[in-house]
Amino acid sequence: MNTFNDKEAAAIDLRPHLKKITVPTLVILGRHDFITNVAMAKEMVKHLPNARLEIFEDSGHFALVEEPEKFYRAVKGFVES
């Protein structure tokens, strides 16, 4: 994963296309995610015109499993807003 993030990810940079996503977007991230780190998630949110970032402090890549109640509340609140 480190090799991908350090060497290959830049070759498939999709950030310029994020501005085309106009629907409200919830970006969920576990603080200890080994695939997508906090800086990456903040970068995504910066390019999404109508996005909100929710960081799960006690999760890695699987916030749905690791913090299910918080995940449910975050998604429910987002959908209802």
PDB file of N, CA and C in Angstrom:
ATOM      1  N   MET A   1       0.823  -1.178   0.000  1.00  0.00           N
ATOM      2  CA  MET A   1       0.000   0.000   0.000  1.00  0.00           C
ATOM      3  C   MET A   1       0.874   1.252   0.000  1.00  0.00           C
ATOM      4  N   ASN A   2       1.956   1.208   0.763  1.00  0.00           N
ATOM      5  CA  ASN A   2       2.850   2.371   0.775  1.00  0.00           C
ATOM      6  C   ASN A   2       3.442   2.627  -0.601  1.00  0.00           C
ATOM      7  N   THR A   3       3.811   1.561  -1.303  1.00  0.00           N
ATOM      8  CA  THR A   3       4.349   1.723  -2.651  1.00  0.00           C
ATOM      9  C   THR A   3       3.321   2.365  -3.558  1.00  0.00           C
ATOM     10  N   PHE A   4       2.085   1.902  -3.467  1.00  0.00           N
ATOM     11  CA  PHE A   4       1.024   2.497  -4.287  1.00  0.00           C
ATOM     12  C   PHE A   4       0.868   3.973  -3.960  1.00  0.00           C
ATOM     13  N   ASN A   5       0.736   4.295  -2.686  1.00  0.00           N
ATOM     14  CA  ASN A   5       0.536   5.692  -2.293  1.00  0.00           C
ATOM     15  C   ASN A   5       1.716   6.569  -2.673  1.00  0.00           C
ATOM     16  N   ASP A   6       2.916   6.052  -2.518  1.00  0.00           N
ATOM     17  CA  ASP A   6       4.118   6.849  -2.776  1.00  0.00           C
ATOM     18  C   ASP A   6       4.473   6.976  -4.252  1.00  0.00           C
ATOM     19  N   LYS A   7       4.168   5.949  -5.042  1.00  0.00           N
ATOM     20  CA  LYS A   7       4.661   5.938  -6.420  1.00  0.00           C
ATOM     21  C   LYS A   7       3.596   5.902  -7.501  1.00  0.00           C
ATOM     22  N   GLU A   8       2.487   5.227  -7.259  1.00  0.00           N
ATOM     23  CA  GLU A   8       1.504   5.029  -8.317  1.00  0.00           C
ATOM     24  C   GLU A   8       0.294   5.946  -8.234  1.00  0.00           C
ATOM     25  N   ALA A   9      -0.095   6.331  -7.055  1.00  0.00           N
ATOM     26  CA  ALA A   9      -1.316   7.124  -6.880  1.00  0.00           C
ATOM     27  C   ALA A   9      -1.284   8.413  -7.685  1.00  0.00           C
ATOM     28  N   ALA A  10      -0.136   9.040  -7.747  1.00  0.00           N
ATOM     29  CA  ALA A  10      -0.043  10.314  -8.485  1.00  0.00           C
ATOM     30  C   ALA A  10      -0.338  10.135  -9.967  1.00  0.00           C
ATOM     31  N   ALA A  11      -0.075   8.952 -10.498  1.00  0.00           N
ATOM     32  CA  ALA A  11      -0.318   8.688 -11.921  1.00  0.00           C
ATOM     33  C   ALA A  11      -1.807   8.550 -12.230  1.00  0.00           C
ATOM     34  N   ILE A  12      -2.602   8.311 -11.215  1.00  0.00           N
ATOM     35  CA  ILE A  12      -4.046   8.166 -11.428  1.00  0.00           C
ATOM     36  C   ILE A  12      -4.808   9.188 -10.586  1.00  0.00           C
ATOM     37  N   ASP A  13      -4.299  10.368 -10.545  1.00  0.00           N
ATOM     38  CA  ASP A  13      -4.879  11.434  -9.744  1.00  0.00           C
ATOM     39  C   ASP A  13      -6.233  11.856 -10.307  1.00  0.00           C
ATOM     40  N   LEU A  14      -7.283  11.593  -9.573  1.00  0.00           N
ATOM     41  CA  LEU A  14      -8.637  11.911 -10.015  1.00  0.00           C
ATOM     42  C   LEU A  14      -9.192  13.175  -9.370  1.00  0.00           C
ATOM     43  N   ARG A  15      -8.380  13.866  -8.591  1.00  0.00           N
ATOM     44  CA  ARG A  15      -8.861  15.076  -7.914  1.00  0.00           C
ATOM     45  C   ARG A  15      -9.483  16.100  -8.856  1.00  0.00           C
ATOM     46  N   PRO A  16      -8.936  16.330 -10.051  1.00  0.00           N
ATOM     47  CA  PRO A  16      -9.565  17.322 -10.932  1.00  0.00           C
ATOM     48  C   PRO A  16     -11.017  16.995 -11.300  1.00  0.00           C
ATOM     49  N   HIS A  17     -11.386  15.732 -11.193  1.00  0.00           N
ATOM     50  CA  HIS A  17     -12.748  15.322 -11.553  1.00  0.00           C
ATOM     51  C   HIS A  17     -13.732  15.437 -10.385  1.00  0.00           C
ATOM     52  N   LEU A  18     -13.224  15.577  -9.176  1.00  0.00           N
ATOM     53  CA  LEU A  18     -14.100  15.629  -8.013  1.00  0.00           C
ATOM     54  C   LEU A  18     -15.068  16.804  -8.057  1.00  0.00           C
ATOM     55  N   LYS A  19     -14.658  17.900  -8.654  1.00  0.00           N
ATOM     56  CA  LYS A  19     -15.532  19.084  -8.718  1.00  0.00           C
ATOM     57  C   LYS A  19     -16.811  18.814  -9.513  1.00  0.00           C
ATOM     58  N   LYS A  20     -16.813  17.742 -10.305  1.00  0.00           N
ATOM     59  CA  LYS A  20     -17.998  17.380 -11.095  1.00  0.00           C
ATOM     60  C   LYS A  20     -19.076  16.708 -10.247  1.00  0.00           C
ATOM     61  N   ILE A  21     -18.710  16.274  -9.066  1.00  0.00           N
ATOM     62  CA  ILE A  21     -19.670  15.623  -8.168  1.00  0.00           C
ATOM     63  C   ILE A  21     -20.414  16.723  -7.422  1.00  0.00           C
ATOM     64  N   THR A  22     -21.657  16.909  -7.749  1.00  0.00           N
ATOM     65  CA  THR A  22     -22.415  18.029  -7.187  1.00  0.00           C
ATOM     66  C   THR A  22     -23.397  17.622  -6.093  1.00  0.00           C
ATOM     67  N   VAL A  23     -23.609  16.357  -5.910  1.00  0.00           N
ATOM     68  CA  VAL A  23     -24.515  15.911  -4.849  1.00  0.00           C
ATOM     69  C   VAL A  23     -23.808  16.014  -3.499  1.00  0.00           C
ATOM     70  N   PRO A  24     -24.555  16.201  -2.434  1.00  0.00           N
ATOM     71  CA  PRO A  24     -23.930  16.198  -1.115  1.00  0.00           C
ATOM     72  C   PRO A  24     -23.177  14.878  -0.895  1.00  0.00           C
ATOM     73  N   THR A  25     -21.990  14.988  -0.328  1.00  0.00           N
ATOM     74  CA  THR A  25     -21.120  13.829  -0.172  1.00  0.00           C
ATOM     75  C   THR A  25     -20.606  13.755   1.255  1.00  0.00           C
ATOM     76  N   LEU A  26     -20.704  12.571   1.834  1.00  0.00           N
ATOM     77  CA  LEU A  26     -20.154  12.325   3.155  1.00  0.00           C
ATOM     78  C   LEU A  26     -18.909  11.472   2.996  1.00  0.00           C
ATOM     79  N   VAL A  27     -17.781  11.991   3.413  1.00  0.00           N
ATOM     80  CA  VAL A  27     -16.519  11.249   3.386  1.00  0.00           C
ATOM     81  C   VAL A  27     -16.274  10.753   4.796  1.00  0.00           C
ATOM     82  N   ILE A  28     -16.226   9.439   4.941  1.00  0.00           N
ATOM     83  CA  ILE A  28     -16.018   8.810   6.241  1.00  0.00           C
ATOM     84  C   ILE A  28     -14.617   8.224   6.257  1.00  0.00           C
ATOM     85  N   LEU A  29     -13.909   8.495   7.348  1.00  0.00           N
ATOM     86  CA  LEU A  29     -12.519   8.049   7.449  1.00  0.00           C
ATOM     87  C   LEU A  29     -12.221   7.607   8.867  1.00  0.00           C
ATOM     88  N   GLY A  30     -11.544   6.489   8.978  1.00  0.00           N
ATOM     89  CA  GLY A  30     -11.024   6.073  10.273  1.00  0.00           C
ATOM     90  C   GLY A  30      -9.662   6.714  10.496  1.00  0.00           C
ATOM     91  N   ARG A  31      -9.446   7.273  11.664  1.00  0.00           N
ATOM     92  CA  ARG A  31      -8.183   7.952  11.987  1.00  0.00           C
ATOM     93  C   ARG A  31      -6.969   7.049  11.720  1.00  0.00           C
ATOM     94  N   HIS A  32      -7.132   5.747  11.883  1.00  0.00           N
ATOM     95  CA  HIS A  32      -6.021   4.799  11.749  1.00  0.00           C
ATOM     96  C   HIS A  32      -6.088   4.007  10.445  1.00  0.00           C
ATOM     97  N   ASP A  33      -6.768   4.551   9.449  1.00  0.00           N
ATOM     98  CA  ASP A  33      -6.903   3.897   8.148  1.00  0.00           C
ATOM     99  C   ASP A  33      -5.537   3.769   7.490  1.00  0.00           C
ATOM    100  N   PHE A  34      -5.182   2.566   7.094  1.00  0.00           N
ATOM    101  CA  PHE A  34      -3.891   2.331   6.455  1.00  0.00           C
ATOM    102  C   PHE A  34      -3.953   2.515   4.939  1.00  0.00           C
ATOM    103  N   ILE A  35      -5.133   2.738   4.390  1.00  0.00           N
ATOM    104  CA  ILE A  35      -5.284   2.910   2.946  1.00  0.00           C
ATOM    105  C   ILE A  35      -5.453   4.382   2.594  1.00  0.00           C
ATOM    106  N   THR A  36      -6.375   5.035   3.246  1.00  0.00           N
ATOM    107  CA  THR A  36      -6.615   6.461   3.006  1.00  0.00           C
ATOM    108  C   THR A  36      -6.348   7.197   4.311  1.00  0.00           C
ATOM    109  N   ASN A  37      -5.374   8.094   4.293  1.00  0.00           N
ATOM    110  CA  ASN A  37      -5.054   8.803   5.530  1.00  0.00           C
ATOM    111  C   ASN A  37      -5.855  10.101   5.630  1.00  0.00           C
ATOM    112  N   VAL A  38      -5.729  10.766   6.765  1.00  0.00           N
ATOM    113  CA  VAL A  38      -6.511  11.976   7.021  1.00  0.00           C
ATOM    114  C   VAL A  38      -6.211  13.057   5.985  1.00  0.00           C
ATOM    115  N   ALA A  39      -4.950  13.227   5.654  1.00  0.00           N
ATOM    116  CA  ALA A  39      -4.585  14.246   4.660  1.00  0.00           C
ATOM    117  C   ALA A  39      -5.256  13.974   3.315  1.00  0.00           C
ATOM    118  N   MET A  40      -5.320  12.714   2.913  1.00  0.00           N
ATOM    119  CA  MET A  40      -5.984  12.354   1.651  1.00  0.00           C
ATOM    120  C   MET A  40      -7.469  12.676   1.708  1.00  0.00           C
ATOM    121  N   ALA A  41      -8.105  12.349   2.822  1.00  0.00           N
ATOM    122  CA  ALA A  41      -9.537  12.606   2.955  1.00  0.00           C
ATOM    123  C   ALA A  41      -9.817  14.104   2.933  1.00  0.00           C
ATOM    124  N   LYS A  42      -8.989  14.887   3.614  1.00  0.00           N
ATOM    125  CA  LYS A  42      -9.166  16.343   3.610  1.00  0.00           C
ATOM    126  C   LYS A  42      -8.968  16.900   2.200  1.00  0.00           C
ATOM    127  N   GLU A  43      -8.051  16.328   1.461  1.00  0.00           N
ATOM    128  CA  GLU A  43      -7.819  16.760   0.080  1.00  0.00           C
ATOM    129  C   GLU A  43      -9.046  16.459  -0.780  1.00  0.00           C
ATOM    130  N   MET A  44      -9.657  15.297  -0.590  1.00  0.00           N
ATOM    131  CA  MET A  44     -10.870  14.960  -1.342  1.00  0.00           C
ATOM    132  C   MET A  44     -11.977  15.962  -1.036  1.00  0.00           C
ATOM    133  N   VAL A  45     -12.187  16.216   0.256  1.00  0.00           N
ATOM    134  CA  VAL A  45     -13.256  17.122   0.673  1.00  0.00           C
ATOM    135  C   VAL A  45     -13.021  18.528   0.119  1.00  0.00           C
ATOM    136  N   LYS A  46     -11.770  18.924   0.047  1.00  0.00           N
ATOM    137  CA  LYS A  46     -11.432  20.248  -0.486  1.00  0.00           C
ATOM    138  C   LYS A  46     -11.891  20.403  -1.935  1.00  0.00           C
ATOM    139  N   HIS A  47     -11.879  19.322  -2.689  1.00  0.00           N
ATOM    140  CA  HIS A  47     -12.233  19.371  -4.115  1.00  0.00           C
ATOM    141  C   HIS A  47     -13.693  19.016  -4.400  1.00  0.00           C
ATOM    142  N   LEU A  48     -14.389  18.502  -3.412  1.00  0.00           N
ATOM    143  CA  LEU A  48     -15.809  18.179  -3.577  1.00  0.00           C
ATOM    144  C   LEU A  48     -16.627  19.398  -3.171  1.00  0.00           C
ATOM    145  N   PRO A  49     -17.457  19.916  -4.077  1.00  0.00           N
ATOM    146  CA  PRO A  49     -18.150  21.168  -3.797  1.00  0.00           C
ATOM    147  C   PRO A  49     -19.123  21.130  -2.616  1.00  0.00           C
ATOM    148  N   ASN A  50     -19.653  19.978  -2.287  1.00  0.00           N
ATOM    149  CA  ASN A  50     -20.676  19.908  -1.246  1.00  0.00           C
ATOM    150  C   ASN A  50     -20.410  18.694  -0.353  1.00  0.00           C
ATOM    151  N   ALA A  51     -19.236  18.715   0.313  1.00  0.00           N
ATOM    152  CA  ALA A  51     -18.819  17.532   1.071  1.00  0.00           C
ATOM    153  C   ALA A  51     -18.620  17.843   2.544  1.00  0.00           C
ATOM    154  N   ARG A  52     -18.770  16.795   3.307  1.00  0.00           N
ATOM    155  CA  ARG A  52     -18.528  16.853   4.746  1.00  0.00           C
ATOM    156  C   ARG A  52     -17.630  15.674   5.120  1.00  0.00           C
ATOM    157  N   LEU A  53     -16.688  15.915   6.000  1.00  0.00           N
ATOM    158  CA  LEU A  53     -15.763  14.880   6.454  1.00  0.00           C
ATOM    159  C   LEU A  53     -16.110  14.458   7.867  1.00  0.00           C
ATOM    160  N   GLU A  54     -16.201  13.159   8.073  1.00  0.00           N
ATOM    161  CA  GLU A  54     -16.453  12.591   9.398  1.00  0.00           C
ATOM    162  C   GLU A  54     -15.285  11.651   9.709  1.00  0.00           C
ATOM    163  N   ILE A  55     -14.506  12.002  10.726  1.00  0.00           N
ATOM    164  CA  ILE A  55     -13.366  11.173  11.116  1.00  0.00           C
ATOM    165  C   ILE A  55     -13.749  10.337  12.326  1.00  0.00           C
ATOM    166  N   PHE A  56     -13.546   9.047  12.216  1.00  0.00           N
ATOM    167  CA  PHE A  56     -13.828   8.100  13.285  1.00  0.00           C
ATOM    168  C   PHE A  56     -12.523   7.839  14.022  1.00  0.00           C
ATOM    169  N   GLU A  57     -12.422   8.370  15.221  1.00  0.00           N
ATOM    170  CA  GLU A  57     -11.168   8.370  15.968  1.00  0.00           C
ATOM    171  C   GLU A  57     -10.693   6.986  16.380  1.00  0.00           C
ATOM    172  N   ASP A  58     -11.596   6.041  16.540  1.00  0.00           N
ATOM    173  CA  ASP A  58     -11.218   4.711  17.016  1.00  0.00           C
ATOM    174  C   ASP A  58     -11.278   3.651  15.926  1.00  0.00           C
ATOM    175  N   SER A  59     -11.197   4.064  14.667  1.00  0.00           N
ATOM    176  CA  SER A  59     -11.317   3.121  13.551  1.00  0.00           C
ATOM    177  C   SER A  59     -10.114   3.172  12.639  1.00  0.00           C
ATOM    178  N   GLY A  60     -10.001   2.091  11.881  1.00  0.00           N
ATOM    179  CA  GLY A  60      -9.057   2.030  10.781  1.00  0.00           C
ATOM    180  C   GLY A  60      -9.844   2.167   9.488  1.00  0.00           C
ATOM    181  N   HIS A  61      -9.689   1.199   8.589  1.00  0.00           N
ATOM    182  CA  HIS A  61     -10.338   1.268   7.285  1.00  0.00           C
ATOM    183  C   HIS A  61     -11.808   0.823   7.316  1.00  0.00           C
ATOM    184  N   PHE A  62     -12.230   0.200   8.405  1.00  0.00           N
ATOM    185  CA  PHE A  62     -13.573  -0.383   8.437  1.00  0.00           C
ATOM    186  C   PHE A  62     -14.432   0.237   9.542  1.00  0.00           C
ATOM    187  N   ALA A  63     -14.664   1.531   9.447  1.00  0.00           N
ATOM    188  CA  ALA A  63     -15.441   2.244  10.464  1.00  0.00           C
ATOM    189  C   ALA A  63     -16.822   1.623  10.654  1.00  0.00           C
ATOM    190  N   LEU A  64     -17.404   1.122   9.606  1.00  0.00           N
ATOM    191  CA  LEU A  64     -18.723   0.479   9.686  1.00  0.00           C
ATOM    192  C   LEU A  64     -18.708  -0.664  10.700  1.00  0.00           C
ATOM    193  N   VAL A  65     -17.629  -1.410  10.735  1.00  0.00           N
ATOM    194  CA  VAL A  65     -17.501  -2.553  11.639  1.00  0.00           C
ATOM    195  C   VAL A  65     -16.930  -2.129  12.991  1.00  0.00           C
ATOM    196  N   GLU A  66     -15.972  -1.220  12.961  1.00  0.00           N
ATOM    197  CA  GLU A  66     -15.252  -0.853  14.177  1.00  0.00           C
ATOM    198  C   GLU A  66     -16.025   0.108  15.087  1.00  0.00           C
ATOM    199  N   GLU A  67     -16.841   0.963  14.512  1.00  0.00           N
ATOM    200  CA  GLU A  67     -17.659   1.893  15.296  1.00  0.00           C
ATOM    201  C   GLU A  67     -19.062   1.937  14.702  1.00  0.00           C
ATOM    202  N   PRO A  68     -19.788   0.817  14.740  1.00  0.00           N
ATOM    203  CA  PRO A  68     -21.064   0.733  14.031  1.00  0.00           C
ATOM    204  C   PRO A  68     -22.118   1.734  14.484  1.00  0.00           C
ATOM    205  N   GLU A  69     -22.197   2.000  15.777  1.00  0.00           N
ATOM    206  CA  GLU A  69     -23.210   2.948  16.242  1.00  0.00           C
ATOM    207  C   GLU A  69     -22.911   4.359  15.742  1.00  0.00           C
ATOM    208  N   LYS A  70     -21.659   4.766  15.842  1.00  0.00           N
ATOM    209  CA  LYS A  70     -21.279   6.091  15.351  1.00  0.00           C
ATOM    210  C   LYS A  70     -21.466   6.179  13.841  1.00  0.00           C
ATOM    211  N   PHE A  71     -21.123   5.115  13.135  1.00  0.00           N
ATOM    212  CA  PHE A  71     -21.296   5.080  11.687  1.00  0.00           C
ATOM    213  C   PHE A  71     -22.771   5.270  11.337  1.00  0.00           C
ATOM    214  N   TYR A  72     -23.635   4.528  12.009  1.00  0.00           N
ATOM    215  CA  TYR A  72     -25.078   4.635  11.770  1.00  0.00           C
ATOM    216  C   TYR A  72     -25.557   6.067  11.997  1.00  0.00           C
ATOM    217  N   ARG A  73     -25.149   6.661  13.119  1.00  0.00           N
ATOM    218  CA  ARG A  73     -25.575   8.035  13.427  1.00  0.00           C
ATOM    219  C   ARG A  73     -25.070   9.031  12.388  1.00  0.00           C
ATOM    220  N   ALA A  74     -23.828   8.849  11.951  1.00  0.00           N
ATOM    221  CA  ALA A  74     -23.256   9.775  10.958  1.00  0.00           C
ATOM    222  C   ALA A  74     -23.996   9.686   9.631  1.00  0.00           C
ATOM    223  N   VAL A  75     -24.238   8.484   9.163  1.00  0.00           N
ATOM    224  CA  VAL A  75     -24.937   8.313   7.890  1.00  0.00           C
ATOM    225  C   VAL A  75     -26.388   8.761   8.000  1.00  0.00           C
ATOM    226  N   LYS A  76     -27.047   8.389   9.080  1.00  0.00           N
ATOM    227  CA  LYS A  76     -28.446   8.789   9.287  1.00  0.00           C
ATOM    228  C   LYS A  76     -28.557  10.315   9.322  1.00  0.00           C
ATOM    229  N   GLY A  77     -27.681  10.956  10.081  1.00  0.00           N
ATOM    230  CA  GLY A  77     -27.719  12.404  10.170  1.00  0.00           C
ATOM    231  C   GLY A  77     -27.449  13.081   8.840  1.00  0.00           C
ATOM    232  N   PHE A  78     -26.522  12.512   8.083  1.00  0.00           N
ATOM    233  CA  PHE A  78     -26.205  13.059   6.773  1.00  0.00           C
ATOM    234  C   PHE A  78     -27.383  12.940   5.809  1.00  0.00           C
ATOM    235  N   VAL A  79     -27.986  11.775   5.777  1.00  0.00           N
ATOM    236  CA  VAL A  79     -29.120  11.531   4.878  1.00  0.00           C
ATOM    237  C   VAL A  79     -30.310  12.401   5.258  1.00  0.00           C
ATOM    238  N   GLU A  80     -30.523  12.579   6.527  1.00  0.00           N
ATOM    239  CA  GLU A  80     -31.670  13.373   6.984  1.00  0.00           C
ATOM    240  C   GLU A  80     -31.448  14.876   6.834  1.00  0.00           C
ATOM    241  N   SER A  81     -30.212  15.304   6.678  1.00  0.00           N
ATOM    242  CA  SER A  81     -29.947  16.753   6.569  1.00  0.00           C
ATOM    243  C   SER A  81     -30.184  17.284   5.170  1.00  0.00           C
TER     244      SER A  81
END
